[in-house]
Amino acid sequence: MDAVGVAYDLIKEVLRDEKLSTTQIEFRLQKEFSYHCPDSIAKTLQKLKVKNLIENKTQNGEIIWYLP
């Protein structure tokens, strides 16, 4: 499994039924799994969005991520 696939599996666990900001996702990945994306978290999330694995919206100037 490539780095994006590993990140996706962990991000799915973090998001579950929640909608979180980029910063919140990064914090939870570190806290819950001691995981740091090899690429920046923003780039990783964008790659997952392009593959239609996650979705986002802008709310109060922040990007909020969630599972479809």
N, C-alpha and C. Protein backbone atom coordinates (compact mmCIF):
# COMPACT_ATOMS: atom_id res chain seq x y z
N MET A 1 0.86 -1.18 0.00
CA MET A 1 0.00 0.00 0.00
C MET A 1 0.90 1.24 0.00
N ASP A 2 0.55 2.23 -0.82
CA ASP A 2 1.35 3.45 -0.88
C ASP A 2 1.04 4.37 0.30
N ALA A 3 1.82 5.46 0.42
CA ALA A 3 1.69 6.38 1.54
C ALA A 3 0.31 7.03 1.61
N VAL A 4 -0.27 7.34 0.46
CA VAL A 4 -1.60 7.95 0.45
C VAL A 4 -2.65 6.95 0.93
N GLY A 5 -2.48 5.68 0.57
CA GLY A 5 -3.41 4.64 1.03
C GLY A 5 -3.36 4.46 2.53
N VAL A 6 -2.16 4.47 3.09
CA VAL A 6 -2.00 4.37 4.54
C VAL A 6 -2.64 5.57 5.21
N ALA A 7 -2.35 6.76 4.68
CA ALA A 7 -2.94 7.98 5.25
C ALA A 7 -4.47 7.93 5.18
N TYR A 8 -5.01 7.45 4.06
CA TYR A 8 -6.46 7.37 3.91
C TYR A 8 -7.08 6.47 4.97
N ASP A 9 -6.48 5.32 5.20
CA ASP A 9 -7.01 4.41 6.23
C ASP A 9 -7.07 5.09 7.59
N LEU A 10 -6.03 5.83 7.94
CA LEU A 10 -6.00 6.51 9.24
C LEU A 10 -6.96 7.70 9.27
N ILE A 11 -7.02 8.43 8.17
CA ILE A 11 -7.93 9.58 8.10
C ILE A 11 -9.38 9.13 8.20
N LYS A 12 -9.72 7.99 7.61
CA LYS A 12 -11.08 7.43 7.75
C LYS A 12 -11.40 7.18 9.22
N GLU A 13 -10.43 6.65 9.95
CA GLU A 13 -10.63 6.40 11.39
C GLU A 13 -10.84 7.70 12.16
N VAL A 14 -10.09 8.72 11.79
CA VAL A 14 -10.18 10.01 12.47
C VAL A 14 -11.51 10.70 12.17
N LEU A 15 -11.92 10.68 10.91
CA LEU A 15 -13.14 11.39 10.52
C LEU A 15 -14.40 10.67 10.98
N ARG A 16 -14.42 9.35 10.84
CA ARG A 16 -15.62 8.57 11.17
C ARG A 16 -16.87 9.31 10.71
N ASP A 17 -17.69 9.77 11.64
CA ASP A 17 -18.92 10.50 11.29
C ASP A 17 -18.79 11.99 11.57
N GLU A 18 -17.55 12.47 11.66
CA GLU A 18 -17.31 13.87 12.00
C GLU A 18 -16.88 14.68 10.79
N LYS A 19 -16.97 15.97 10.93
CA LYS A 19 -16.44 16.91 9.95
C LYS A 19 -15.37 17.72 10.68
N LEU A 20 -14.13 17.65 10.19
CA LEU A 20 -13.01 18.27 10.89
C LEU A 20 -12.20 19.15 9.96
N SER A 21 -11.54 20.13 10.54
CA SER A 21 -10.65 21.01 9.78
C SER A 21 -9.33 20.29 9.52
N THR A 22 -8.56 20.84 8.61
CA THR A 22 -7.25 20.28 8.30
C THR A 22 -6.40 20.18 9.56
N THR A 23 -6.38 21.23 10.35
CA THR A 23 -5.60 21.26 11.59
C THR A 23 -6.07 20.20 12.57
N GLN A 24 -7.37 20.04 12.70
CA GLN A 24 -7.91 19.03 13.62
C GLN A 24 -7.53 17.63 13.18
N ILE A 25 -7.58 17.37 11.88
CA ILE A 25 -7.20 16.05 11.36
C ILE A 25 -5.73 15.79 11.65
N GLU A 26 -4.89 16.77 11.36
CA GLU A 26 -3.45 16.61 11.60
C GLU A 26 -3.17 16.34 13.08
N PHE A 27 -3.84 17.07 13.98
CA PHE A 27 -3.67 16.89 15.41
C PHE A 27 -4.09 15.48 15.84
N ARG A 28 -5.24 15.04 15.37
CA ARG A 28 -5.73 13.71 15.75
C ARG A 28 -4.85 12.58 15.21
N LEU A 29 -4.36 12.73 13.99
CA LEU A 29 -3.46 11.71 13.43
C LEU A 29 -2.23 11.56 14.31
N GLN A 30 -1.70 12.69 14.76
CA GLN A 30 -0.52 12.65 15.62
C GLN A 30 -0.86 12.08 17.00
N LYS A 31 -1.96 12.54 17.58
CA LYS A 31 -2.34 12.12 18.94
C LYS A 31 -2.76 10.66 19.00
N GLU A 32 -3.64 10.23 18.09
CA GLU A 32 -4.20 8.89 18.16
C GLU A 32 -3.31 7.81 17.56
N PHE A 33 -2.50 8.18 16.55
CA PHE A 33 -1.72 7.17 15.83
C PHE A 33 -0.23 7.48 15.75
N SER A 34 0.20 8.60 16.34
CA SER A 34 1.59 9.06 16.22
C SER A 34 2.01 9.08 14.75
N TYR A 35 1.09 9.54 13.91
CA TYR A 35 1.32 9.54 12.46
C TYR A 35 1.49 10.95 11.94
N HIS A 36 2.49 11.12 11.09
CA HIS A 36 2.72 12.38 10.40
C HIS A 36 2.80 12.07 8.91
N CYS A 37 1.97 12.74 8.11
CA CYS A 37 1.97 12.51 6.66
C CYS A 37 3.35 12.80 6.08
N PRO A 38 3.86 11.91 5.23
CA PRO A 38 5.16 12.17 4.60
C PRO A 38 5.11 13.42 3.72
N ASP A 39 3.98 13.66 3.09
CA ASP A 39 3.72 14.88 2.35
C ASP A 39 2.97 15.79 3.34
N SER A 40 2.69 17.01 3.02
CA SER A 40 1.91 17.83 3.95
C SER A 40 0.49 17.28 4.03
N ILE A 41 -0.16 17.50 5.16
CA ILE A 41 -1.52 16.99 5.35
C ILE A 41 -2.46 17.62 4.31
N ALA A 42 -2.26 18.89 4.00
CA ALA A 42 -3.12 19.55 3.01
C ALA A 42 -2.99 18.89 1.64
N LYS A 43 -1.78 18.55 1.23
CA LYS A 43 -1.58 17.89 -0.06
C LYS A 43 -2.19 16.49 -0.05
N THR A 44 -2.03 15.78 1.05
CA THR A 44 -2.59 14.43 1.16
C THR A 44 -4.11 14.48 1.08
N LEU A 45 -4.72 15.40 1.81
CA LEU A 45 -6.18 15.53 1.78
C LEU A 45 -6.66 15.90 0.38
N GLN A 46 -5.93 16.77 -0.30
CA GLN A 46 -6.31 17.15 -1.66
C GLN A 46 -6.22 15.96 -2.61
N LYS A 47 -5.20 15.13 -2.46
CA LYS A 47 -5.06 13.93 -3.30
C LYS A 47 -6.25 12.99 -3.07
N LEU A 48 -6.67 12.86 -1.83
CA LEU A 48 -7.82 12.00 -1.51
C LEU A 48 -9.11 12.59 -2.08
N LYS A 49 -9.20 13.92 -2.09
CA LYS A 49 -10.39 14.57 -2.65
C LYS A 49 -10.46 14.34 -4.16
N VAL A 50 -9.33 14.44 -4.84
CA VAL A 50 -9.30 14.22 -6.29
C VAL A 50 -9.75 12.80 -6.62
N LYS A 51 -9.44 11.85 -5.74
CA LYS A 51 -9.85 10.45 -5.94
C LYS A 51 -11.28 10.20 -5.45
N ASN A 52 -11.97 11.27 -5.02
CA ASN A 52 -13.35 11.19 -4.49
C ASN A 52 -13.47 10.30 -3.26
N LEU A 53 -12.42 10.24 -2.45
CA LEU A 53 -12.45 9.44 -1.24
C LEU A 53 -12.90 10.26 -0.03
N ILE A 54 -12.70 11.56 -0.10
CA ILE A 54 -13.19 12.47 0.94
C ILE A 54 -13.74 13.72 0.25
N GLU A 55 -14.50 14.50 1.01
CA GLU A 55 -15.08 15.73 0.48
C GLU A 55 -14.72 16.87 1.42
N ASN A 56 -14.89 18.10 0.92
CA ASN A 56 -14.65 19.25 1.78
C ASN A 56 -15.61 20.38 1.46
N LYS A 57 -15.65 21.31 2.39
CA LYS A 57 -16.42 22.54 2.19
C LYS A 57 -15.72 23.63 3.00
N THR A 58 -15.99 24.86 2.64
CA THR A 58 -15.42 25.98 3.38
C THR A 58 -16.47 26.49 4.35
N GLN A 59 -16.03 26.66 5.59
CA GLN A 59 -16.94 27.13 6.64
C GLN A 59 -16.18 28.14 7.49
N ASN A 60 -16.65 29.36 7.52
CA ASN A 60 -16.00 30.44 8.29
C ASN A 60 -14.53 30.57 7.94
N GLY A 61 -14.19 30.44 6.67
CA GLY A 61 -12.82 30.60 6.22
C GLY A 61 -11.93 29.39 6.42
N GLU A 62 -12.46 28.30 6.94
CA GLU A 62 -11.70 27.07 7.17
C GLU A 62 -12.19 25.99 6.23
N ILE A 63 -11.28 25.12 5.82
CA ILE A 63 -11.68 23.96 5.02
C ILE A 63 -12.05 22.84 5.97
N ILE A 64 -13.24 22.33 5.81
CA ILE A 64 -13.76 21.24 6.64
C ILE A 64 -13.83 19.99 5.78
N TRP A 65 -13.28 18.90 6.29
CA TRP A 65 -13.22 17.63 5.56
C TRP A 65 -14.17 16.62 6.16
N TYR A 66 -14.72 15.75 5.31
CA TYR A 66 -15.63 14.70 5.79
C TYR A 66 -15.67 13.57 4.77
N LEU A 67 -16.17 12.44 5.22
CA LEU A 67 -16.31 11.28 4.33
C LEU A 67 -17.60 11.40 3.54
N PRO A 68 -17.59 10.96 2.28
CA PRO A 68 -18.81 11.04 1.46
C PRO A 68 -19.90 10.10 1.97
